[in-house]
Amino acid sequence: MASRRPATAPAPYRCTECGWTTLKWVGRCGECQSWGTVVEAAEQTGIVRSITPVAPGAARAARRITEIDTQDAPRRTSGVGEFDRVLGGGIVPGAAILLSGEPGVGKSTLLLEVAAQSARAGRRVLYASGEESAAQVRLRAERTGALHDELFLAAETDLATILGHIDQVEPGLLIVDSVQTVSSAHSDGAAGQPAQVREVASALIRVAKERGLPVIIVGHVTKDGSIAGPRILEHLVDVVCHFEGDRQTSLRFVRALKNRFGPTDEVGCFDMTGTGIAEVADPSALFLGHGEPEPGTCVTIAMEGRRALPVEIQALAVRQTAPNPRRIVNGVDSSRVAMVLAVLESRMGLTLSDRDVYVSTVGGVRLVEPAADLAIAIAVANAVKNRKVSKRLAAIGELTLTGEIRNVTQAAQRASEAKRLGYHTVLDASSRKLAQALNELQVRGVPRDDTDPGF
């Protein structure tokens, strides 16, 4: 019968996640319910009954928090401004940073650029690649212009050898790509298993803290997008960043999921090009259409972290005779679009049951926040009426089922950013009702056509 083993008895099988032991192998841990974590135990485990206190030295004595000097850990730039934005202003010495992302999204390209920029700033960098050979990394560095004499490459998958490279090179920045490919002889199992990942990450973080050496670790993700390996990996590191993007577009985002040294609501924007990765300091023009205003378009201000981005929403309403009209959306929430269409038909008297409605965003961005409701309603209404909206008008607001416009989060910042980008007219919760907002379009936006029956 499976049970916890006493400290003096042998433990034939042990869970690598929680330490639960059993006499025979099972596929699922009886304590933490994890699958595939029960392995043959290499040593006895148990609870230590007594611990002898050890007096700390003078250098490690506890001090008042007001006496701690923060000048010992100044930030330093990575050379990539958008990456520094996500980290909270730069890299802190001794910080352990975990960068995750789907395969092929550009993690290695981004870190190679960070390594090259740090090397150009006079800091020696050690790039340990466990997935590619040194020649392959060199070829990519030539293509992206990341060659520098202070950038050292090592194609290693053994933890002890990587630690030896650290002693030999004495870098100012360490990059390990990736933690799932590195193994340690002091832990059982193959590389990538939870026990190995935990042992490798713990050793690298210990070296980082002892030497004040910042280390960036690349982590794989599972099919559902979460970071692979034990959950404890995210607890060990100081910063967890996620690199994401659609393979159909060149735009990439870096988000901070955890940051002990700064905020977690910053987003870095990058553009993948044929010569590497480029920063997008002002991505305002990426999500806007070009040319003269057309019927069925409206701009809203979306929030990516603490960054306000103007996004153009386009709508098309086509007459059809089929009994079930189609509702096709791209980049917006289909359920919210259905709600907006119901409000337009019920509260505004627009006939949409005889039209196919298409709603899409520009640039491949995806909007899931309710702040885009008003812009969607305006775009659809103008598509039905074949009416244009001024390119200097932005709409921000959540739409209720009663046709009321509600305020949204960070409304003041959105409005301020809209005016900074040249949107002189901003429709928001001050209009109170959707009917009032649509009528204000004729007064504050494009002049009304006398032949238009109105709303």
Protein backbone atom coordinates (compact mmCIF):
# COMPACT_ATOMS: atom_id res chain seq x y z
CA MET A 1 0.00 0.00 0.00
CA ALA A 2 1.36 3.44 -1.01
CA SER A 3 2.25 5.64 1.94
CA ARG A 4 4.84 8.11 3.17
CA ARG A 5 8.04 6.37 4.13
CA PRO A 6 9.84 7.12 7.40
CA ALA A 7 13.25 8.76 7.23
CA THR A 8 15.12 5.52 8.07
CA ALA A 9 13.39 3.19 5.59
CA PRO A 10 14.37 2.85 1.93
CA ALA A 11 12.20 4.59 -0.65
CA PRO A 12 12.12 2.49 -3.84
CA TYR A 13 10.09 5.10 -5.79
CA ARG A 14 9.75 8.81 -5.22
CA CYS A 15 7.76 11.65 -6.81
CA THR A 16 10.07 14.28 -8.27
CA GLU A 17 7.50 17.01 -7.62
CA CYS A 18 6.49 16.61 -3.97
CA GLY A 19 8.75 13.83 -2.60
CA TRP A 20 5.93 11.31 -1.98
CA THR A 21 7.23 7.72 -1.83
CA THR A 22 5.74 4.33 -2.62
CA LEU A 23 6.86 0.69 -2.62
CA LYS A 24 6.02 0.14 -6.29
CA TRP A 25 5.91 2.28 -9.39
CA VAL A 26 2.65 4.06 -10.22
CA GLY A 27 1.82 6.36 -13.09
CA ARG A 28 0.22 9.04 -10.92
CA CYS A 29 1.49 10.50 -7.67
CA GLY A 30 -0.85 9.80 -4.79
CA GLU A 31 -0.01 13.11 -3.09
CA CYS A 32 0.15 15.86 -5.75
CA GLN A 33 -1.76 13.87 -8.44
CA SER A 34 0.95 14.58 -11.07
CA TRP A 35 1.34 12.13 -13.92
CA GLY A 36 4.69 10.59 -14.86
CA THR A 37 6.63 12.07 -11.93
CA VAL A 38 7.17 8.86 -9.90
CA VAL A 39 10.70 7.54 -10.58
CA GLU A 40 13.01 5.12 -8.89
CA ALA A 41 14.58 6.78 -5.87
CA ALA A 42 18.33 7.14 -5.83
CA GLU A 43 18.53 8.04 -2.17
CA GLN A 44 16.46 7.99 0.99
CA THR A 45 14.11 10.87 1.63
CA GLY A 46 12.25 12.01 4.68
CA ILE A 47 11.63 14.85 7.10
CA VAL A 48 14.58 16.04 9.14
CA ARG A 49 13.49 15.77 12.76
CA SER A 50 16.02 18.18 14.26
CA ILE A 51 18.18 20.98 12.91
CA THR A 52 21.17 22.44 14.72
CA PRO A 53 21.12 26.26 14.64
CA VAL A 54 24.11 27.89 12.96
CA ALA A 55 25.14 31.41 13.94
CA PRO A 56 25.46 33.66 10.85
CA GLY A 57 28.67 35.56 10.21
CA ALA A 58 28.99 39.30 10.45
CA ALA A 59 28.57 39.73 6.69
CA ARG A 60 25.34 37.68 6.70
CA ALA A 61 23.81 39.10 9.86
CA ALA A 62 20.25 40.37 9.61
CA ARG A 63 19.99 44.14 9.20
CA ARG A 64 17.19 46.68 9.33
CA ILE A 65 15.53 47.07 5.95
CA THR A 66 16.18 50.80 6.06
CA GLU A 67 19.93 50.11 6.25
CA ILE A 68 20.05 48.04 3.07
CA ASP A 69 21.97 49.83 0.32
CA THR A 70 20.34 49.45 -3.09
CA GLN A 71 23.38 50.89 -4.86
CA ASP A 72 24.93 47.43 -4.76
CA ALA A 73 22.53 46.29 -7.51
CA PRO A 74 22.30 49.06 -10.14
CA ARG A 75 20.42 48.32 -13.33
CA ARG A 76 22.28 48.18 -16.60
CA THR A 77 20.83 48.30 -20.04
CA SER A 78 20.68 45.23 -22.23
CA GLY A 79 21.15 47.36 -25.34
CA VAL A 80 17.60 46.57 -26.53
CA GLY A 81 15.24 49.30 -25.36
CA GLU A 82 12.02 47.30 -25.69
CA PHE A 83 13.50 44.43 -23.68
CA ASP A 84 14.62 46.89 -20.99
CA ARG A 85 11.07 48.26 -20.87
CA VAL A 86 9.69 44.82 -19.98
CA LEU A 87 12.43 44.18 -17.40
CA GLY A 88 11.61 47.42 -15.61
CA GLY A 89 14.50 49.56 -16.87
CA GLY A 90 17.35 47.12 -17.40
CA ILE A 91 19.05 43.99 -16.12
CA VAL A 92 19.81 43.74 -12.41
CA PRO A 93 23.14 42.03 -11.54
CA GLY A 94 22.53 38.54 -10.24
CA ALA A 95 19.03 38.39 -11.68
CA ALA A 96 17.69 35.11 -13.09
CA ILE A 97 15.44 35.74 -16.10
CA LEU A 98 13.32 33.04 -17.73
CA LEU A 99 12.23 33.65 -21.34
CA SER A 100 9.59 31.31 -22.73
CA GLY A 101 7.84 31.10 -26.08
CA GLU A 102 6.65 28.78 -28.80
CA PRO A 103 9.20 27.13 -31.11
CA GLY A 104 10.25 29.38 -33.97
CA VAL A 105 8.83 32.59 -32.50
CA GLY A 106 12.32 34.17 -32.31
CA LYS A 107 13.61 33.64 -28.76
CA SER A 108 17.14 32.77 -29.86
CA THR A 109 17.22 35.67 -32.32
CA LEU A 110 16.17 38.12 -29.62
CA LEU A 111 18.71 36.83 -27.09
CA LEU A 112 21.48 36.83 -29.67
CA GLU A 113 20.72 40.52 -30.29
CA VAL A 114 20.77 41.16 -26.52
CA ALA A 115 24.11 39.34 -26.30
CA ALA A 116 25.59 41.35 -29.18
CA GLN A 117 24.44 44.68 -27.76
CA SER A 118 25.82 43.81 -24.32
CA ALA A 119 29.13 42.81 -25.91
CA ARG A 120 29.29 46.13 -27.79
CA ALA A 121 28.77 47.91 -24.46
CA GLY A 122 31.98 46.33 -23.16
CA ARG A 123 30.52 43.41 -21.18
CA ARG A 124 31.70 39.90 -21.92
CA VAL A 125 28.84 37.53 -22.77
CA LEU A 126 28.73 33.73 -22.69
CA TYR A 127 26.05 32.17 -24.91
CA ALA A 128 25.59 28.47 -24.08
CA SER A 129 23.56 26.76 -26.79
CA GLY A 130 22.23 23.29 -26.13
CA GLU A 131 20.05 23.07 -29.23
CA GLU A 132 22.34 24.40 -31.96
CA SER A 133 26.00 23.98 -32.76
CA ALA A 134 28.40 26.90 -32.48
CA ALA A 135 28.59 27.07 -36.28
CA GLN A 136 24.82 27.39 -36.59
CA VAL A 137 24.74 30.21 -34.05
CA ARG A 138 27.60 31.90 -35.90
CA LEU A 139 25.67 31.76 -39.19
CA ARG A 140 22.65 33.40 -37.58
CA ALA A 141 24.89 36.03 -35.99
CA GLU A 142 26.35 36.87 -39.40
CA ARG A 143 22.88 37.26 -40.87
CA THR A 144 21.66 39.50 -38.03
CA GLY A 145 24.89 41.47 -37.59
CA ALA A 146 25.55 40.19 -34.08
CA LEU A 147 29.27 39.41 -34.38
CA HIS A 148 31.58 40.75 -31.67
CA ASP A 149 34.83 39.61 -30.08
CA GLU A 150 33.38 39.85 -26.56
CA LEU A 151 30.61 37.37 -27.40
CA PHE A 152 31.65 33.80 -26.58
CA LEU A 153 29.76 30.74 -27.82
CA ALA A 154 29.66 27.27 -26.28
CA ALA A 155 27.62 24.37 -27.61
CA GLU A 156 27.19 22.39 -24.38
CA THR A 157 24.48 20.28 -22.76
CA ASP A 158 26.39 19.29 -19.60
CA LEU A 159 25.89 21.51 -16.58
CA ALA A 160 29.37 20.92 -15.16
CA THR A 161 30.98 21.92 -18.45
CA ILE A 162 28.90 25.10 -18.64
CA LEU A 163 30.02 26.00 -15.10
CA GLY A 164 33.60 25.41 -16.26
CA HIS A 165 33.07 27.80 -19.17
CA ILE A 166 31.85 30.40 -16.68
CA ASP A 167 35.05 30.07 -14.65
CA GLN A 168 37.17 30.31 -17.78
CA VAL A 169 35.38 33.14 -19.64
CA GLU A 170 34.24 35.15 -16.57
CA PRO A 171 31.29 36.71 -18.41
CA GLY A 172 29.17 39.68 -17.40
CA LEU A 173 26.04 38.03 -18.84
CA LEU A 174 25.15 34.35 -19.24
CA ILE A 175 22.54 33.05 -21.70
CA VAL A 176 21.48 29.39 -21.62
CA ASP A 177 19.41 28.16 -24.59
CA SER A 178 17.62 26.14 -23.36
CA VAL A 179 17.25 24.73 -19.84
CA GLN A 180 15.43 21.63 -21.14
CA THR A 181 18.51 20.52 -23.10
CA VAL A 182 21.01 20.75 -20.22
CA SER A 183 21.53 17.84 -17.82
CA SER A 184 23.45 17.28 -14.62
CA ALA A 185 25.27 14.13 -13.54
CA HIS A 186 24.06 14.72 -9.97
CA SER A 187 20.41 14.13 -10.90
CA ASP A 188 18.65 11.09 -12.29
CA GLY A 189 16.74 11.03 -15.54
CA ALA A 190 17.24 12.43 -19.00
CA ALA A 191 17.51 16.10 -19.91
CA GLY A 192 14.20 17.89 -19.82
CA GLN A 193 12.64 15.83 -17.04
CA PRO A 194 11.38 17.74 -14.00
CA ALA A 195 14.22 16.62 -11.72
CA GLN A 196 16.87 17.62 -14.27
CA VAL A 197 15.26 20.97 -15.03
CA ARG A 198 15.03 21.78 -11.35
CA GLU A 199 18.66 20.76 -10.68
CA VAL A 200 20.04 22.72 -13.66
CA ALA A 201 18.01 25.85 -12.92
CA SER A 202 18.95 25.76 -9.22
CA ALA A 203 22.65 25.47 -10.03
CA LEU A 204 22.58 28.32 -12.54
CA ILE A 205 20.62 30.57 -10.20
CA ARG A 206 22.99 29.78 -7.34
CA VAL A 207 25.97 30.82 -9.48
CA ALA A 208 24.12 33.98 -10.54
CA LYS A 209 23.45 35.03 -6.95
CA GLU A 210 26.95 34.23 -5.69
CA ARG A 211 28.77 36.10 -8.47
CA GLY A 212 26.28 38.85 -9.26
CA LEU A 213 26.09 37.39 -12.76
CA PRO A 214 22.78 37.98 -14.58
CA VAL A 215 21.58 34.85 -16.35
CA ILE A 216 18.89 34.52 -19.01
CA ILE A 217 17.39 31.04 -19.34
CA VAL A 218 15.27 29.95 -22.29
CA GLY A 219 12.35 27.65 -21.45
CA HIS A 220 10.15 25.60 -23.73
CA VAL A 221 6.35 25.73 -23.62
CA THR A 222 3.78 22.94 -23.74
CA LYS A 223 0.95 22.56 -26.23
CA ASP A 224 -1.36 24.76 -24.15
CA GLY A 225 1.24 27.55 -24.03
CA SER A 226 2.40 27.13 -20.42
CA ILE A 227 6.06 26.83 -19.46
CA ALA A 228 7.29 23.24 -19.64
CA GLY A 229 8.92 21.54 -16.69
CA PRO A 230 8.14 21.78 -12.97
CA ARG A 231 6.16 24.76 -11.73
CA ILE A 232 8.93 25.42 -9.24
CA LEU A 233 11.07 26.73 -12.11
CA GLU A 234 8.94 29.87 -12.25
CA HIS A 235 9.26 30.32 -8.50
CA LEU A 236 13.05 30.05 -8.57
CA VAL A 237 13.72 32.79 -11.12
CA ASP A 238 13.31 36.52 -10.56
CA VAL A 239 11.70 37.44 -13.88
CA VAL A 240 9.44 35.39 -16.17
CA CYS A 241 8.97 36.78 -19.68
CA HIS A 242 6.87 35.33 -22.47
CA PHE A 243 7.73 35.92 -26.13
CA GLU A 244 4.66 35.63 -28.32
CA GLY A 245 3.54 36.39 -31.83
CA ASP A 246 1.58 35.10 -34.80
CA ARG A 247 3.62 33.32 -37.43
CA GLN A 248 1.45 34.92 -40.10
CA THR A 249 2.69 38.38 -39.11
CA SER A 250 6.11 39.76 -38.25
CA LEU A 251 4.98 41.49 -35.05
CA ARG A 252 6.23 40.04 -31.76
CA PHE A 253 5.44 40.93 -28.14
CA VAL A 254 7.41 40.32 -24.95
CA ARG A 255 5.32 40.33 -21.77
CA ALA A 256 6.47 40.04 -18.16
CA LEU A 257 4.46 37.44 -16.23
CA LYS A 258 6.56 37.90 -13.09
CA ASN A 259 9.07 40.58 -12.18
CA ARG A 260 10.64 41.04 -8.77
CA PHE A 261 12.38 44.25 -9.88
CA GLY A 262 9.62 46.08 -11.72
CA PRO A 263 6.04 46.12 -13.01
CA THR A 264 4.45 43.26 -14.90
CA ASP A 265 2.19 45.33 -17.14
CA GLU A 266 4.80 46.49 -19.66
CA VAL A 267 4.92 45.11 -23.20
CA GLY A 268 7.83 45.21 -25.64
CA CYS A 269 7.14 45.31 -29.39
CA PHE A 270 9.44 43.82 -32.01
CA ASP A 271 9.38 43.25 -35.74
CA MET A 272 10.90 40.10 -37.24
CA THR A 273 12.74 40.96 -40.44
CA GLY A 274 14.97 39.06 -42.82
CA THR A 275 18.04 40.49 -41.08
CA GLY A 276 16.97 39.74 -37.52
CA ILE A 277 14.71 41.39 -35.00
CA ALA A 278 14.05 45.13 -34.82
CA GLU A 279 12.54 47.22 -32.05
CA VAL A 280 9.21 48.95 -32.61
CA ALA A 281 9.33 51.88 -30.22
CA ASP A 282 6.11 53.45 -31.56
CA PRO A 283 3.82 50.77 -33.05
CA SER A 284 0.97 53.23 -33.63
CA ALA A 285 1.01 52.93 -37.42
CA LEU A 286 1.05 49.11 -37.45
CA PHE A 287 -2.67 48.71 -36.72
CA LEU A 288 -4.06 51.53 -38.83
CA GLY A 289 -5.22 51.53 -42.42
CA HIS A 290 -3.74 53.80 -45.08
CA GLY A 291 -5.34 56.20 -47.50
CA GLU A 292 -8.61 58.12 -47.32
CA PRO A 293 -11.36 57.14 -44.83
CA GLU A 294 -13.81 54.55 -46.07
CA PRO A 295 -17.31 53.58 -44.86
CA GLY A 296 -17.29 51.01 -42.08
CA THR A 297 -14.05 51.98 -40.30
CA CYS A 298 -13.41 53.34 -36.82
CA VAL A 299 -10.34 53.66 -34.58
CA THR A 300 -10.20 52.63 -30.93
CA ILE A 301 -7.40 52.90 -28.37
CA ALA A 302 -6.39 49.49 -27.00
CA MET A 303 -4.12 48.84 -24.03
CA GLU A 304 -1.18 46.44 -24.27
CA GLY A 305 0.06 46.46 -20.71
CA ARG A 306 0.64 50.14 -19.97
CA ARG A 307 1.07 51.02 -23.66
CA ALA A 308 -1.84 52.58 -25.53
CA LEU A 309 -2.13 51.54 -29.18
CA PRO A 310 -4.55 52.88 -31.80
CA VAL A 311 -6.26 50.01 -33.62
CA GLU A 312 -8.51 50.38 -36.63
CA ILE A 313 -11.63 48.23 -36.75
CA GLN A 314 -13.19 47.58 -40.14
CA ALA A 315 -16.73 46.32 -40.82
CA LEU A 316 -18.52 45.24 -43.96
CA ALA A 317 -22.27 44.62 -44.29
CA VAL A 318 -23.36 42.77 -47.44
CA ARG A 319 -26.98 42.09 -48.38
CA GLN A 320 -27.95 38.45 -48.83
CA THR A 321 -31.09 36.35 -49.26
CA ALA A 322 -30.15 33.30 -47.20
CA PRO A 323 -32.24 32.70 -44.06
CA ASN A 324 -29.19 32.63 -41.79
CA PRO A 325 -26.85 35.61 -42.28
CA ARG A 326 -23.18 35.02 -41.63
CA ARG A 327 -21.18 36.71 -38.90
CA ILE A 328 -17.44 36.49 -39.63
CA VAL A 329 -14.94 38.10 -37.24
CA ASN A 330 -11.15 38.32 -37.21
CA GLY A 331 -9.15 39.77 -34.33
CA VAL A 332 -12.18 40.53 -32.14
CA ASP A 333 -14.34 38.49 -29.78
CA SER A 334 -17.21 36.90 -31.70
CA SER A 335 -19.54 36.92 -28.68
CA ARG A 336 -19.04 40.65 -28.11
CA VAL A 337 -19.64 41.36 -31.80
CA ALA A 338 -22.90 39.38 -31.63
CA MET A 339 -23.95 41.45 -28.61
CA VAL A 340 -23.11 44.73 -30.38
CA LEU A 341 -25.13 43.66 -33.44
CA ALA A 342 -28.11 42.83 -31.21
CA VAL A 343 -27.91 46.26 -29.55
CA LEU A 344 -27.74 48.01 -32.93
CA GLU A 345 -30.77 46.13 -34.21
CA SER A 346 -32.86 46.38 -31.06
CA ARG A 347 -31.95 49.85 -29.72
CA MET A 348 -30.98 51.69 -32.91
CA GLY A 349 -33.45 50.14 -35.36
CA LEU A 350 -30.78 48.97 -37.83
CA THR A 351 -31.84 45.97 -39.92
CA LEU A 352 -29.02 43.43 -39.89
CA SER A 353 -30.99 40.20 -40.34
CA ASP A 354 -30.71 40.51 -44.13
CA ARG A 355 -26.96 41.23 -44.20
CA ASP A 356 -23.78 39.27 -43.80
CA VAL A 357 -21.56 41.17 -41.34
CA TYR A 358 -17.76 40.97 -41.37
CA VAL A 359 -15.69 42.61 -38.61
CA SER A 360 -11.90 42.62 -38.57
CA THR A 361 -8.91 44.47 -37.12
CA VAL A 362 -5.95 45.81 -39.09
CA GLY A 363 -2.44 44.44 -38.65
CA GLY A 364 -3.32 41.09 -37.07
CA VAL A 365 -3.84 42.47 -33.55
CA ARG A 366 -6.46 40.74 -31.36
CA LEU A 367 -8.83 42.75 -29.18
CA VAL A 368 -10.53 41.00 -26.27
CA GLU A 369 -11.27 43.99 -24.04
CA PRO A 370 -14.75 45.59 -23.92
CA ALA A 371 -13.29 49.03 -24.69
CA ALA A 372 -13.64 48.23 -28.41
CA ASP A 373 -17.44 47.82 -28.25
CA LEU A 374 -18.21 51.42 -29.23
CA ALA A 375 -15.79 51.36 -32.17
CA ILE A 376 -17.31 48.10 -33.41
CA ALA A 377 -20.81 49.56 -33.20
CA ILE A 378 -19.78 52.70 -35.09
CA ALA A 379 -17.97 50.70 -37.77
CA VAL A 380 -20.94 48.39 -38.35
CA ALA A 381 -23.49 51.24 -38.31
CA ASN A 382 -21.46 53.25 -40.83
CA ALA A 383 -21.01 50.17 -43.01
CA VAL A 384 -24.79 49.74 -43.17
CA LYS A 385 -25.38 53.44 -43.86
CA ASN A 386 -22.38 53.68 -46.25
CA ARG A 387 -21.09 56.58 -44.20
CA LYS A 388 -17.50 57.70 -43.62
CA VAL A 389 -15.92 58.70 -40.32
CA SER A 390 -13.13 61.21 -39.94
CA LYS A 391 -9.64 59.73 -39.56
CA ARG A 392 -9.16 62.07 -36.60
CA LEU A 393 -11.89 60.39 -34.55
CA ALA A 394 -11.44 57.61 -31.98
CA ALA A 395 -14.09 55.72 -30.02
CA ILE A 396 -13.50 54.23 -26.55
CA GLY A 397 -16.21 52.62 -24.46
CA GLU A 398 -18.00 49.48 -23.33
CA LEU A 399 -21.51 48.96 -24.66
CA THR A 400 -24.26 47.49 -22.47
CA LEU A 401 -27.40 45.71 -23.65
CA THR A 402 -29.43 48.85 -22.95
CA GLY A 403 -27.34 50.89 -25.37
CA GLU A 404 -25.49 52.68 -22.57
CA ILE A 405 -21.79 53.51 -22.97
CA ARG A 406 -19.81 52.58 -19.87
CA ASN A 407 -16.39 53.82 -18.83
CA VAL A 408 -13.38 51.49 -19.23
CA THR A 409 -10.12 50.98 -17.38
CA GLN A 410 -7.36 53.53 -17.94
CA ALA A 411 -9.78 55.78 -19.81
CA ALA A 412 -7.77 58.93 -19.08
CA GLN A 413 -4.58 57.40 -20.46
CA ARG A 414 -6.39 56.20 -23.57
CA ALA A 415 -7.87 59.63 -24.23
CA SER A 416 -4.52 61.34 -23.62
CA GLU A 417 -2.77 58.99 -26.03
CA ALA A 418 -5.49 59.53 -28.63
CA LYS A 419 -5.01 63.30 -28.53
CA ARG A 420 -1.22 62.90 -28.64
CA LEU A 421 -1.55 60.86 -31.84
CA GLY A 422 -3.73 63.51 -33.44
CA TYR A 423 -7.26 62.21 -32.76
CA HIS A 424 -8.97 65.50 -31.99
CA THR A 425 -12.40 63.90 -31.47
CA VAL A 426 -12.77 61.14 -28.86
CA LEU A 427 -16.14 59.48 -28.28
CA ASP A 428 -16.30 57.84 -24.85
CA ALA A 429 -18.60 57.37 -21.86
CA SER A 430 -19.34 61.10 -21.79
CA SER A 431 -21.81 60.45 -24.65
CA ARG A 432 -23.74 58.17 -22.24
CA LYS A 433 -25.91 56.52 -24.96
CA LEU A 434 -25.05 54.88 -28.26
CA ALA A 435 -27.69 56.96 -30.06
CA GLN A 436 -26.10 60.15 -28.77
CA ALA A 437 -22.64 59.00 -29.86
CA LEU A 438 -23.86 58.20 -33.38
CA ASN A 439 -25.54 61.58 -33.62
CA GLU A 440 -22.38 63.32 -32.43
CA LEU A 441 -20.57 61.76 -35.37
CA GLN A 442 -22.53 64.11 -37.63
CA VAL A 443 -21.73 67.17 -35.53
CA ARG A 444 -18.13 66.54 -34.50
CA GLY A 445 -17.06 64.13 -37.22
CA VAL A 446 -17.76 64.09 -40.95
CA PRO A 447 -20.60 66.44 -42.06
CA ARG A 448 -23.91 64.71 -42.49
CA ASP A 449 -25.35 64.00 -45.93
CA ASP A 450 -28.78 65.60 -46.48
CA THR A 451 -30.01 62.48 -48.28
CA ASP A 452 -29.09 60.23 -45.33
CA PRO A 453 -32.20 59.13 -43.40
CA GLY A 454 -30.15 59.09 -40.19
CA PHE A 455 -30.33 56.76 -37.27
